[in-house]
Amino acid sequence: MIILQTRFIVMGNLFYSEYRIHRLFDLKGSSHGRTTEKSLGEIDETTTLKDLDLDFIFHLQRNWFQGFIGQIERDCEFLESKGIMDYSLLVGLHFRDDNACDKMGLSPFLLRSGNH
């Protein structure tokens, strides 16, 4: 008889906020199969987009960036120590101008090539 140890992590909703989340991305750092299967007309706030759907550059203050990278490094060290190799970064975007999400190009060609 083989007994497998299983661990679960249950987290609160990090996006529970007064701010509306317009776009949600599940980032794994891979390009293989990392686009959404939905057409542009089907994408809404409930769609979880993937790595190749992300068409933004984020600028962070140096201390925020260092804290962010430090946390990712600590997370990776912990997961590696437990023999876990799957890591995702969940990113939620709130646009100050509600029209910004309508202007966002989600064409896989545009996103992959970066051409607008």
PDB file of N, CA and C in Angstrom:
ATOM      1  N   MET A   1       0.841  -1.181   0.000  1.00  0.00           N
ATOM      2  CA  MET A   1       0.000   0.000   0.000  1.00  0.00           C
ATOM      3  C   MET A   1       0.892   1.252   0.000  1.00  0.00           C
ATOM      4  N   ILE A   2       0.638   2.147  -0.943  1.00  0.00           N
ATOM      5  CA  ILE A   2       1.406   3.385  -1.056  1.00  0.00           C
ATOM      6  C   ILE A   2       0.551   4.528  -0.516  1.00  0.00           C
ATOM      7  N   ILE A   3       1.146   5.280   0.379  1.00  0.00           N
ATOM      8  CA  ILE A   3       0.450   6.447   0.938  1.00  0.00           C
ATOM      9  C   ILE A   3       1.120   7.697   0.376  1.00  0.00           C
ATOM     10  N   LEU A   4       0.337   8.522  -0.273  1.00  0.00           N
ATOM     11  CA  LEU A   4       0.839   9.771  -0.828  1.00  0.00           C
ATOM     12  C   LEU A   4       0.467  10.923   0.093  1.00  0.00           C
ATOM     13  N   GLN A   5       1.429  11.792   0.336  1.00  0.00           N
ATOM     14  CA  GLN A   5       1.165  12.970   1.154  1.00  0.00           C
ATOM     15  C   GLN A   5       0.702  14.101   0.233  1.00  0.00           C
ATOM     16  N   THR A   6      -0.402  14.715   0.575  1.00  0.00           N
ATOM     17  CA  THR A   6      -0.952  15.806  -0.216  1.00  0.00           C
ATOM     18  C   THR A   6      -1.092  17.037   0.665  1.00  0.00           C
ATOM     19  N   ARG A   7      -0.643  18.164   0.149  1.00  0.00           N
ATOM     20  CA  ARG A   7      -0.767  19.427   0.882  1.00  0.00           C
ATOM     21  C   ARG A   7      -1.634  20.379   0.078  1.00  0.00           C
ATOM     22  N   PHE A   8      -2.431  21.153   0.774  1.00  0.00           N
ATOM     23  CA  PHE A   8      -3.270  22.166   0.142  1.00  0.00           C
ATOM     24  C   PHE A   8      -2.945  23.513   0.750  1.00  0.00           C
ATOM     25  N   ILE A   9      -2.988  24.529  -0.077  1.00  0.00           N
ATOM     26  CA  ILE A   9      -2.870  25.898   0.412  1.00  0.00           C
ATOM     27  C   ILE A   9      -4.172  26.604   0.046  1.00  0.00           C
ATOM     28  N   VAL A  10      -4.839  27.132   1.037  1.00  0.00           N
ATOM     29  CA  VAL A  10      -6.082  27.855   0.816  1.00  0.00           C
ATOM     30  C   VAL A  10      -5.809  29.324   1.123  1.00  0.00           C
ATOM     31  N   MET A  11      -6.086  30.176   0.132  1.00  0.00           N
ATOM     32  CA  MET A  11      -5.811  31.598   0.290  1.00  0.00           C
ATOM     33  C   MET A  11      -7.094  32.399   0.127  1.00  0.00           C
ATOM     34  N   GLY A  12      -7.106  33.541   0.741  1.00  0.00           N
ATOM     35  CA  GLY A  12      -8.212  34.464   0.549  1.00  0.00           C
ATOM     36  C   GLY A  12      -8.133  35.093  -0.826  1.00  0.00           C
ATOM     37  N   ASN A  13      -9.226  35.687  -1.264  1.00  0.00           N
ATOM     38  CA  ASN A  13      -9.262  36.356  -2.559  1.00  0.00           C
ATOM     39  C   ASN A  13      -8.457  37.646  -2.473  1.00  0.00           C
ATOM     40  N   LEU A  14      -7.305  37.662  -3.140  1.00  0.00           N
ATOM     41  CA  LEU A  14      -6.445  38.832  -3.102  1.00  0.00           C
ATOM     42  C   LEU A  14      -7.029  40.008  -3.879  1.00  0.00           C
ATOM     43  N   PHE A  15      -8.002  39.737  -4.733  1.00  0.00           N
ATOM     44  CA  PHE A  15      -8.591  40.792  -5.541  1.00  0.00           C
ATOM     45  C   PHE A  15      -9.898  41.313  -4.966  1.00  0.00           C
ATOM     46  N   TYR A  16     -10.219  40.938  -3.735  1.00  0.00           N
ATOM     47  CA  TYR A  16     -11.409  41.471  -3.087  1.00  0.00           C
ATOM     48  C   TYR A  16     -11.092  42.911  -2.704  1.00  0.00           C
ATOM     49  N   SER A  17     -11.635  43.836  -3.456  1.00  0.00           N
ATOM     50  CA  SER A  17     -11.254  45.232  -3.335  1.00  0.00           C
ATOM     51  C   SER A  17     -12.391  46.114  -3.814  1.00  0.00           C
ATOM     52  N   GLU A  18     -12.306  47.371  -3.477  1.00  0.00           N
ATOM     53  CA  GLU A  18     -13.276  48.336  -3.999  1.00  0.00           C
ATOM     54  C   GLU A  18     -13.027  48.608  -5.483  1.00  0.00           C
ATOM     55  N   TYR A  19     -11.846  48.210  -5.968  1.00  0.00           N
ATOM     56  CA  TYR A  19     -11.507  48.444  -7.364  1.00  0.00           C
ATOM     57  C   TYR A  19     -11.926  47.260  -8.231  1.00  0.00           C
ATOM     58  N   ARG A  20     -12.513  47.577  -9.342  1.00  0.00           N
ATOM     59  CA  ARG A  20     -12.923  46.565 -10.304  1.00  0.00           C
ATOM     60  C   ARG A  20     -11.691  46.000 -11.009  1.00  0.00           C
ATOM     61  N   ILE A  21     -11.603  44.686 -11.123  1.00  0.00           N
ATOM     62  CA  ILE A  21     -10.502  44.043 -11.842  1.00  0.00           C
ATOM     63  C   ILE A  21     -10.967  43.825 -13.282  1.00  0.00           C
ATOM     64  N   HIS A  22     -10.338  44.542 -14.214  1.00  0.00           N
ATOM     65  CA  HIS A  22     -10.748  44.492 -15.613  1.00  0.00           C
ATOM     66  C   HIS A  22     -10.137  43.318 -16.376  1.00  0.00           C
ATOM     67  N   ARG A  23      -8.908  42.942 -16.021  1.00  0.00           N
ATOM     68  CA  ARG A  23      -8.235  41.833 -16.695  1.00  0.00           C
ATOM     69  C   ARG A  23      -7.483  41.015 -15.651  1.00  0.00           C
ATOM     70  N   LEU A  24      -7.519  39.689 -15.837  1.00  0.00           N
ATOM     71  CA  LEU A  24      -6.885  38.759 -14.915  1.00  0.00           C
ATOM     72  C   LEU A  24      -5.955  37.847 -15.714  1.00  0.00           C
ATOM     73  N   PHE A  25      -4.716  37.727 -15.259  1.00  0.00           N
ATOM     74  CA  PHE A  25      -3.704  36.925 -15.953  1.00  0.00           C
ATOM     75  C   PHE A  25      -3.130  35.875 -15.009  1.00  0.00           C
ATOM     76  N   ASP A  26      -3.004  34.660 -15.503  1.00  0.00           N
ATOM     77  CA  ASP A  26      -2.336  33.563 -14.803  1.00  0.00           C
ATOM     78  C   ASP A  26      -1.012  33.349 -15.529  1.00  0.00           C
ATOM     79  N   LEU A  27       0.087  33.826 -14.937  1.00  0.00           N
ATOM     80  CA  LEU A  27       1.387  33.814 -15.599  1.00  0.00           C
ATOM     81  C   LEU A  27       2.248  32.682 -15.049  1.00  0.00           C
ATOM     82  N   LYS A  28       2.797  31.885 -15.947  1.00  0.00           N
ATOM     83  CA  LYS A  28       3.638  30.755 -15.561  1.00  0.00           C
ATOM     84  C   LYS A  28       5.065  30.877 -16.088  1.00  0.00           C
ATOM     85  N   GLY A  29       5.350  31.895 -16.897  1.00  0.00           N
ATOM     86  CA  GLY A  29       6.689  32.038 -17.438  1.00  0.00           C
ATOM     87  C   GLY A  29       6.983  31.086 -18.582  1.00  0.00           C
ATOM     88  N   SER A  30       5.957  30.663 -19.274  1.00  0.00           N
ATOM     89  CA  SER A  30       6.113  29.733 -20.392  1.00  0.00           C
ATOM     90  C   SER A  30       5.363  30.292 -21.589  1.00  0.00           C
ATOM     91  N   SER A  31       5.730  29.840 -22.774  1.00  0.00           N
ATOM     92  CA  SER A  31       4.988  30.266 -23.960  1.00  0.00           C
ATOM     93  C   SER A  31       4.200  29.111 -24.572  1.00  0.00           C
ATOM     94  N   HIS A  32       4.470  27.886 -24.158  1.00  0.00           N
ATOM     95  CA  HIS A  32       3.798  26.713 -24.731  1.00  0.00           C
ATOM     96  C   HIS A  32       2.341  26.644 -24.268  1.00  0.00           C
ATOM     97  N   GLY A  33       1.426  26.835 -25.204  1.00  0.00           N
ATOM     98  CA  GLY A  33       0.006  26.769 -24.888  1.00  0.00           C
ATOM     99  C   GLY A  33      -0.480  27.874 -23.968  1.00  0.00           C
ATOM    100  N   ARG A  34       0.202  29.000 -23.952  1.00  0.00           N
ATOM    101  CA  ARG A  34      -0.113  30.040 -22.988  1.00  0.00           C
ATOM    102  C   ARG A  34      -0.847  31.218 -23.609  1.00  0.00           C
ATOM    103  N   THR A  35      -1.888  30.933 -24.399  1.00  0.00           N
ATOM    104  CA  THR A  35      -2.823  31.955 -24.861  1.00  0.00           C
ATOM    105  C   THR A  35      -4.219  31.482 -24.512  1.00  0.00           C
ATOM    106  N   THR A  36      -5.132  32.408 -24.433  1.00  0.00           N
ATOM    107  CA  THR A  36      -6.513  32.051 -24.140  1.00  0.00           C
ATOM    108  C   THR A  36      -7.155  31.433 -25.373  1.00  0.00           C
ATOM    109  N   GLU A  37      -8.110  30.588 -25.137  1.00  0.00           N
ATOM    110  CA  GLU A  37      -8.821  29.927 -26.244  1.00  0.00           C
ATOM    111  C   GLU A  37     -10.015  30.749 -26.711  1.00  0.00           C
ATOM    112  N   LYS A  38     -10.312  31.845 -26.045  1.00  0.00           N
ATOM    113  CA  LYS A  38     -11.493  32.647 -26.377  1.00  0.00           C
ATOM    114  C   LYS A  38     -11.195  33.674 -27.466  1.00  0.00           C
ATOM    115  N   SER A  39     -12.215  33.982 -28.241  1.00  0.00           N
ATOM    116  CA  SER A  39     -12.080  35.043 -29.235  1.00  0.00           C
ATOM    117  C   SER A  39     -12.175  36.392 -28.521  1.00  0.00           C
ATOM    118  N   LEU A  40     -11.773  37.443 -29.207  1.00  0.00           N
ATOM    119  CA  LEU A  40     -11.778  38.784 -28.617  1.00  0.00           C
ATOM    120  C   LEU A  40     -13.147  39.149 -28.055  1.00  0.00           C
ATOM    121  N   GLY A  41     -14.203  38.800 -28.766  1.00  0.00           N
ATOM    122  CA  GLY A  41     -15.558  39.135 -28.322  1.00  0.00           C
ATOM    123  C   GLY A  41     -16.003  38.374 -27.081  1.00  0.00           C
ATOM    124  N   GLU A  42     -15.356  37.241 -26.798  1.00  0.00           N
ATOM    125  CA  GLU A  42     -15.718  36.426 -25.641  1.00  0.00           C
ATOM    126  C   GLU A  42     -14.955  36.804 -24.375  1.00  0.00           C
ATOM    127  N   ILE A  43     -13.898  37.613 -24.517  1.00  0.00           N
ATOM    128  CA  ILE A  43     -13.060  37.965 -23.366  1.00  0.00           C
ATOM    129  C   ILE A  43     -13.752  39.041 -22.542  1.00  0.00           C
ATOM    130  N   ASP A  44     -13.907  38.754 -21.248  1.00  0.00           N
ATOM    131  CA  ASP A  44     -14.482  39.731 -20.329  1.00  0.00           C
ATOM    132  C   ASP A  44     -13.722  39.660 -19.004  1.00  0.00           C
ATOM    133  N   GLU A  45     -14.265  40.284 -17.968  1.00  0.00           N
ATOM    134  CA  GLU A  45     -13.584  40.345 -16.674  1.00  0.00           C
ATOM    135  C   GLU A  45     -13.464  38.986 -16.000  1.00  0.00           C
ATOM    136  N   THR A  46     -14.248  38.018 -16.417  1.00  0.00           N
ATOM    137  CA  THR A  46     -14.180  36.690 -15.801  1.00  0.00           C
ATOM    138  C   THR A  46     -13.196  35.766 -16.510  1.00  0.00           C
ATOM    139  N   THR A  47     -12.629  36.220 -17.629  1.00  0.00           N
ATOM    140  CA  THR A  47     -11.686  35.419 -18.405  1.00  0.00           C
ATOM    141  C   THR A  47     -10.317  35.467 -17.741  1.00  0.00           C
ATOM    142  N   THR A  48      -9.725  34.305 -17.524  1.00  0.00           N
ATOM    143  CA  THR A  48      -8.353  34.256 -17.035  1.00  0.00           C
ATOM    144  C   THR A  48      -7.440  34.122 -18.247  1.00  0.00           C
ATOM    145  N   LEU A  49      -6.685  35.177 -18.488  1.00  0.00           N
ATOM    146  CA  LEU A  49      -5.781  35.229 -19.627  1.00  0.00           C
ATOM    147  C   LEU A  49      -4.439  34.611 -19.250  1.00  0.00           C
ATOM    148  N   LYS A  50      -3.599  34.359 -20.252  1.00  0.00           N
ATOM    149  CA  LYS A  50      -2.335  33.660 -20.020  1.00  0.00           C
ATOM    150  C   LYS A  50      -1.147  34.500 -20.478  1.00  0.00           C
ATOM    151  N   ASP A  51       0.032  33.927 -20.346  1.00  0.00           N
ATOM    152  CA  ASP A  51       1.283  34.649 -20.590  1.00  0.00           C
ATOM    153  C   ASP A  51       1.313  35.413 -21.911  1.00  0.00           C
ATOM    154  N   LEU A  52       0.987  34.760 -23.009  1.00  0.00           N
ATOM    155  CA  LEU A  52       1.104  35.409 -24.313  1.00  0.00           C
ATOM    156  C   LEU A  52      -0.022  36.400 -24.595  1.00  0.00           C
ATOM    157  N   ASP A  53      -1.010  36.453 -23.717  1.00  0.00           N
ATOM    158  CA  ASP A  53      -2.072  37.449 -23.847  1.00  0.00           C
ATOM    159  C   ASP A  53      -1.673  38.779 -23.205  1.00  0.00           C
ATOM    160  N   LEU A  54      -0.638  38.766 -22.401  1.00  0.00           N
ATOM    161  CA  LEU A  54      -0.210  39.965 -21.674  1.00  0.00           C
ATOM    162  C   LEU A  54       0.548  40.895 -22.609  1.00  0.00           C
ATOM    163  N   ASP A  55       0.038  42.097 -22.772  1.00  0.00           N
ATOM    164  CA  ASP A  55       0.634  43.064 -23.692  1.00  0.00           C
ATOM    165  C   ASP A  55       0.877  44.383 -22.956  1.00  0.00           C
ATOM    166  N   PHE A  56       1.521  44.299 -21.810  1.00  0.00           N
ATOM    167  CA  PHE A  56       1.785  45.472 -20.989  1.00  0.00           C
ATOM    168  C   PHE A  56       3.224  45.442 -20.515  1.00  0.00           C
ATOM    169  N   ILE A  57       3.771  46.600 -20.276  1.00  0.00           N
ATOM    170  CA  ILE A  57       5.055  46.737 -19.601  1.00  0.00           C
ATOM    171  C   ILE A  57       4.769  47.428 -18.283  1.00  0.00           C
ATOM    172  N   PHE A  58       5.262  46.853 -17.215  1.00  0.00           N
ATOM    173  CA  PHE A  58       5.023  47.417 -15.892  1.00  0.00           C
ATOM    174  C   PHE A  58       6.277  48.138 -15.408  1.00  0.00           C
ATOM    175  N   HIS A  59       6.096  49.342 -14.918  1.00  0.00           N
ATOM    176  CA  HIS A  59       7.190  50.120 -14.350  1.00  0.00           C
ATOM    177  C   HIS A  59       6.953  50.220 -12.849  1.00  0.00           C
ATOM    178  N   LEU A  60       7.876  49.697 -12.073  1.00  0.00           N
ATOM    179  CA  LEU A  60       7.752  49.726 -10.619  1.00  0.00           C
ATOM    180  C   LEU A  60       8.880  50.564 -10.032  1.00  0.00           C
ATOM    181  N   GLN A  61       8.587  51.208  -8.914  1.00  0.00           N
ATOM    182  CA  GLN A  61       9.647  51.892  -8.190  1.00  0.00           C
ATOM    183  C   GLN A  61      10.681  50.849  -7.779  1.00  0.00           C
ATOM    184  N   ARG A  62      11.931  51.259  -7.711  1.00  0.00           N
ATOM    185  CA  ARG A  62      13.020  50.321  -7.443  1.00  0.00           C
ATOM    186  C   ARG A  62      12.758  49.487  -6.188  1.00  0.00           C
ATOM    187  N   ASN A  63      12.324  50.083  -5.091  1.00  0.00           N
ATOM    188  CA  ASN A  63      12.111  49.313  -3.854  1.00  0.00           C
ATOM    189  C   ASN A  63      10.928  48.353  -3.994  1.00  0.00           C
ATOM    190  N   TRP A  64       9.887  48.712  -4.756  1.00  0.00           N
ATOM    191  CA  TRP A  64       8.766  47.794  -5.007  1.00  0.00           C
ATOM    192  C   TRP A  64       9.246  46.616  -5.844  1.00  0.00           C
ATOM    193  N   PHE A  65      10.051  46.910  -6.875  1.00  0.00           N
ATOM    194  CA  PHE A  65      10.578  45.862  -7.731  1.00  0.00           C
ATOM    195  C   PHE A  65      11.446  44.893  -6.925  1.00  0.00           C
ATOM    196  N   GLN A  66      12.331  45.431  -6.092  1.00  0.00           N
ATOM    197  CA  GLN A  66      13.207  44.578  -5.288  1.00  0.00           C
ATOM    198  C   GLN A  66      12.389  43.715  -4.326  1.00  0.00           C
ATOM    199  N   GLY A  67      11.358  44.288  -3.726  1.00  0.00           N
ATOM    200  CA  GLY A  67      10.490  43.512  -2.843  1.00  0.00           C
ATOM    201  C   GLY A  67       9.738  42.424  -3.597  1.00  0.00           C
ATOM    202  N   PHE A  68       9.272  42.754  -4.773  1.00  0.00           N
ATOM    203  CA  PHE A  68       8.545  41.802  -5.630  1.00  0.00           C
ATOM    204  C   PHE A  68       9.436  40.631  -6.017  1.00  0.00           C
ATOM    205  N   ILE A  69      10.630  40.935  -6.521  1.00  0.00           N
ATOM    206  CA  ILE A  69      11.574  39.888  -6.925  1.00  0.00           C
ATOM    207  C   ILE A  69      12.004  39.066  -5.711  1.00  0.00           C
ATOM    208  N   GLY A  70      12.223  39.726  -4.589  1.00  0.00           N
ATOM    209  CA  GLY A  70      12.593  39.009  -3.373  1.00  0.00           C
ATOM    210  C   GLY A  70      11.523  38.018  -2.950  1.00  0.00           C
ATOM    211  N   GLN A  71      10.260  38.420  -3.062  1.00  0.00           N
ATOM    212  CA  GLN A  71       9.164  37.515  -2.700  1.00  0.00           C
ATOM    213  C   GLN A  71       9.087  36.327  -3.646  1.00  0.00           C
ATOM    214  N   ILE A  72       9.254  36.576  -4.934  1.00  0.00           N
ATOM    215  CA  ILE A  72       9.249  35.473  -5.900  1.00  0.00           C
ATOM    216  C   ILE A  72      10.390  34.501  -5.603  1.00  0.00           C
ATOM    217  N   GLU A  73      11.571  35.026  -5.280  1.00  0.00           N
ATOM    218  CA  GLU A  73      12.711  34.154  -4.952  1.00  0.00           C
ATOM    219  C   GLU A  73      12.413  33.312  -3.712  1.00  0.00           C
ATOM    220  N   ARG A  74      11.814  33.920  -2.673  1.00  0.00           N
ATOM    221  CA  ARG A  74      11.471  33.161  -1.461  1.00  0.00           C
ATOM    222  C   ARG A  74      10.411  32.104  -1.754  1.00  0.00           C
ATOM    223  N   ASP A  75       9.415  32.465  -2.570  1.00  0.00           N
ATOM    224  CA  ASP A  75       8.381  31.497  -2.961  1.00  0.00           C
ATOM    225  C   ASP A  75       9.004  30.313  -3.692  1.00  0.00           C
ATOM    226  N   CYS A  76       9.894  30.605  -4.642  1.00  0.00           N
ATOM    227  CA  CYS A  76      10.532  29.542  -5.427  1.00  0.00           C
ATOM    228  C   CYS A  76      11.402  28.651  -4.545  1.00  0.00           C
ATOM    229  N   GLU A  77      12.131  29.246  -3.615  1.00  0.00           N
ATOM    230  CA  GLU A  77      12.958  28.448  -2.695  1.00  0.00           C
ATOM    231  C   GLU A  77      12.075  27.516  -1.861  1.00  0.00           C
ATOM    232  N   PHE A  78      10.946  28.037  -1.370  1.00  0.00           N
ATOM    233  CA  PHE A  78      10.035  27.211  -0.581  1.00  0.00           C
ATOM    234  C   PHE A  78       9.472  26.066  -1.422  1.00  0.00           C
ATOM    235  N   LEU A  79       8.976  26.390  -2.615  1.00  0.00           N
ATOM    236  CA  LEU A  79       8.398  25.356  -3.474  1.00  0.00           C
ATOM    237  C   LEU A  79       9.442  24.311  -3.853  1.00  0.00           C
ATOM    238  N   GLU A  80      10.658  24.757  -4.150  1.00  0.00           N
ATOM    239  CA  GLU A  80      11.727  23.814  -4.488  1.00  0.00           C
ATOM    240  C   GLU A  80      12.041  22.902  -3.307  1.00  0.00           C
ATOM    241  N   SER A  81      12.041  23.447  -2.093  1.00  0.00           N
ATOM    242  CA  SER A  81      12.343  22.632  -0.913  1.00  0.00           C
ATOM    243  C   SER A  81      11.273  21.567  -0.671  1.00  0.00           C
ATOM    244  N   LYS A  82      10.074  21.791  -1.198  1.00  0.00           N
ATOM    245  CA  LYS A  82       8.975  20.832  -1.054  1.00  0.00           C
ATOM    246  C   LYS A  82       8.821  19.947  -2.290  1.00  0.00           C
ATOM    247  N   GLY A  83       9.703  20.119  -3.265  1.00  0.00           N
ATOM    248  CA  GLY A  83       9.640  19.302  -4.478  1.00  0.00           C
ATOM    249  C   GLY A  83       8.488  19.674  -5.391  1.00  0.00           C
ATOM    250  N   ILE A  84       8.047  20.933  -5.307  1.00  0.00           N
ATOM    251  CA  ILE A  84       6.939  21.414  -6.138  1.00  0.00           C
ATOM    252  C   ILE A  84       7.532  22.259  -7.255  1.00  0.00           C
ATOM    253  N   MET A  85       7.139  21.978  -8.496  1.00  0.00           N
ATOM    254  CA  MET A  85       7.737  22.705  -9.604  1.00  0.00           C
ATOM    255  C   MET A  85       6.759  23.613 -10.336  1.00  0.00           C
ATOM    256  N   ASP A  86       5.525  23.694  -9.880  1.00  0.00           N
ATOM    257  CA  ASP A  86       4.537  24.531 -10.565  1.00  0.00           C
ATOM    258  C   ASP A  86       4.399  25.858  -9.829  1.00  0.00           C
ATOM    259  N   TYR A  87       4.540  26.946 -10.558  1.00  0.00           N
ATOM    260  CA  TYR A  87       4.437  28.276  -9.966  1.00  0.00           C
ATOM    261  C   TYR A  87       3.655  29.150 -10.913  1.00  0.00           C
ATOM    262  N   SER A  88       2.687  29.863 -10.384  1.00  0.00           N
ATOM    263  CA  SER A  88       1.925  30.819 -11.176  1.00  0.00           C
ATOM    264  C   SER A  88       1.913  32.155 -10.453  1.00  0.00           C
ATOM    265  N   LEU A  89       1.884  33.198 -11.223  1.00  0.00           N
ATOM    266  CA  LEU A  89       1.717  34.540 -10.682  1.00  0.00           C
ATOM    267  C   LEU A  89       0.377  35.048 -11.196  1.00  0.00           C
ATOM    268  N   LEU A  90      -0.529  35.318 -10.304  1.00  0.00           N
ATOM    269  CA  LEU A  90      -1.843  35.824 -10.679  1.00  0.00           C
ATOM    270  C   LEU A  90      -1.792  37.345 -10.653  1.00  0.00           C
ATOM    271  N   VAL A  91      -2.083  37.958 -11.792  1.00  0.00           N
ATOM    272  CA  VAL A  91      -2.010  39.413 -11.936  1.00  0.00           C
ATOM    273  C   VAL A  91      -3.385  39.936 -12.305  1.00  0.00           C
ATOM    274  N   GLY A  92      -3.885  40.864 -11.527  1.00  0.00           N
ATOM    275  CA  GLY A  92      -5.155  41.520 -11.825  1.00  0.00           C
ATOM    276  C   GLY A  92      -4.895  42.973 -12.183  1.00  0.00           C
ATOM    277  N   LEU A  93      -5.532  43.444 -13.239  1.00  0.00           N
ATOM    278  CA  LEU A  93      -5.358  44.831 -13.688  1.00  0.00           C
ATOM    279  C   LEU A  93      -6.646  45.618 -13.518  1.00  0.00           C
ATOM    280  N   HIS A  94      -6.515  46.785 -12.942  1.00  0.00           N
ATOM    281  CA  HIS A  94      -7.618  47.731 -12.848  1.00  0.00           C
ATOM    282  C   HIS A  94      -7.238  48.929 -13.703  1.00  0.00           C
ATOM    283  N   PHE A  95      -8.080  49.273 -14.665  1.00  0.00           N
ATOM    284  CA  PHE A  95      -7.833  50.433 -15.513  1.00  0.00           C
ATOM    285  C   PHE A  95      -8.584  51.620 -14.935  1.00  0.00           C
ATOM    286  N   ARG A  96      -7.898  52.719 -14.752  1.00  0.00           N
ATOM    287  CA  ARG A  96      -8.561  53.927 -14.237  1.00  0.00           C
ATOM    288  C   ARG A  96      -9.604  54.444 -15.210  1.00  0.00           C
ATOM    289  N   ASP A  97      -9.300  54.366 -16.504  1.00  0.00           N
ATOM    290  CA  ASP A  97     -10.236  54.768 -17.551  1.00  0.00           C
ATOM    291  C   ASP A  97     -10.927  53.497 -18.038  1.00  0.00           C
ATOM    292  N   ASP A  98     -12.254  53.397 -17.825  1.00  0.00           N
ATOM    293  CA  ASP A  98     -12.980  52.178 -18.185  1.00  0.00           C
ATOM    294  C   ASP A  98     -12.871  51.831 -19.665  1.00  0.00           C
ATOM    295  N   ASN A  99     -12.528  52.798 -20.513  1.00  0.00           N
ATOM    296  CA  ASN A  99     -12.399  52.511 -21.938  1.00  0.00           C
ATOM    297  C   ASN A  99     -11.061  51.851 -22.282  1.00  0.00           C
ATOM    298  N   ALA A 100     -10.120  51.875 -21.347  1.00  0.00           N
ATOM    299  CA  ALA A 100      -8.788  51.327 -21.635  1.00  0.00           C
ATOM    300  C   ALA A 100      -8.856  49.849 -21.968  1.00  0.00           C
ATOM    301  N   CYS A 101      -9.723  49.096 -21.289  1.00  0.00           N
ATOM    302  CA  CYS A 101      -9.776  47.659 -21.556  1.00  0.00           C
ATOM    303  C   CYS A 101     -10.393  47.393 -22.920  1.00  0.00           C
ATOM    304  N   ASP A 102     -11.242  48.308 -23.406  1.00  0.00           N
ATOM    305  CA  ASP A 102     -11.808  48.129 -24.737  1.00  0.00           C
ATOM    306  C   ASP A 102     -10.758  48.388 -25.818  1.00  0.00           C
ATOM    307  N   LYS A 103      -9.766  49.228 -25.509  1.00  0.00           N
ATOM    308  CA  LYS A 103      -8.729  49.573 -26.471  1.00  0.00           C
ATOM    309  C   LYS A 103      -7.602  48.547 -26.480  1.00  0.00           C
ATOM    310  N   MET A 104      -7.592  47.662 -25.496  1.00  0.00           N
ATOM    311  CA  MET A 104      -6.507  46.707 -25.370  1.00  0.00           C
ATOM    312  C   MET A 104      -6.611  45.653 -26.462  1.00  0.00           C
ATOM    313  N   GLY A 105      -5.555  45.508 -27.269  1.00  0.00           N
ATOM    314  CA  GLY A 105      -5.561  44.514 -28.334  1.00  0.00           C
ATOM    315  C   GLY A 105      -5.270  43.132 -27.792  1.00  0.00           C
ATOM    316  N   LEU A 106      -6.137  42.178 -28.032  1.00  0.00           N
ATOM    317  CA  LEU A 106      -5.895  40.822 -27.576  1.00  0.00           C
ATOM    318  C   LEU A 106      -5.744  39.860 -28.740  1.00  0.00           C
ATOM    319  N   SER A 107      -5.446  40.389 -29.901  1.00  0.00           N
ATOM    320  CA  SER A 107      -5.198  39.520 -31.043  1.00  0.00           C
ATOM    321  C   SER A 107      -3.917  38.744 -30.777  1.00  0.00           C
ATOM    322  N   PRO A 108      -3.956  37.410 -30.879  1.00  0.00           N
ATOM    323  CA  PRO A 108      -2.733  36.641 -30.629  1.00  0.00           C
ATOM    324  C   PRO A 108      -1.561  37.091 -31.497  1.00  0.00           C
ATOM    325  N   PHE A 109      -1.826  37.501 -32.764  1.00  0.00           N
ATOM    326  CA  PHE A 109      -0.728  37.961 -33.611  1.00  0.00           C
ATOM    327  C   PHE A 109      -0.107  39.233 -33.047  1.00  0.00           C
ATOM    328  N   LEU A 110      -0.961  40.188 -32.681  1.00  0.00           N
ATOM    329  CA  LEU A 110      -0.442  41.451 -32.165  1.00  0.00           C
ATOM    330  C   LEU A 110       0.321  41.216 -30.856  1.00  0.00           C
ATOM    331  N   LEU A 111      -0.217  40.349 -30.008  1.00  0.00           N
ATOM    332  CA  LEU A 111       0.418  40.128 -28.719  1.00  0.00           C
ATOM    333  C   LEU A 111       1.762  39.417 -28.866  1.00  0.00           C
ATOM    334  N   ARG A 112       1.833  38.454 -29.747  1.00  0.00           N
ATOM    335  CA  ARG A 112       3.086  37.726 -29.913  1.00  0.00           C
ATOM    336  C   ARG A 112       4.150  38.577 -30.587  1.00  0.00           C
ATOM    337  N   SER A 113       3.738  39.376 -31.556  1.00  0.00           N
ATOM    338  CA  SER A 113       4.714  40.140 -32.316  1.00  0.00           C
ATOM    339  C   SER A 113       5.033  41.465 -31.648  1.00  0.00           C
ATOM    340  N   GLY A 114       4.120  41.959 -30.817  1.00  0.00           N
ATOM    341  CA  GLY A 114       4.314  43.256 -30.189  1.00  0.00           C
ATOM    342  C   GLY A 114       4.049  44.422 -31.133  1.00  0.00           C
ATOM    343  N   ASN A 115       3.585  44.140 -32.358  1.00  0.00           N
ATOM    344  CA  ASN A 115       3.303  45.203 -33.325  1.00  0.00           C
ATOM    345  C   ASN A 115       1.888  45.726 -33.116  1.00  0.00           C
ATOM    346  N   HIS A 116       1.752  47.032 -33.176  1.00  0.00           N
ATOM    347  CA  HIS A 116       0.419  47.635 -32.974  1.00  0.00           C
ATOM    348  C   HIS A 116       0.034  48.429 -34.189  1.00  0.00           C
TER     349      HIS A 116
END
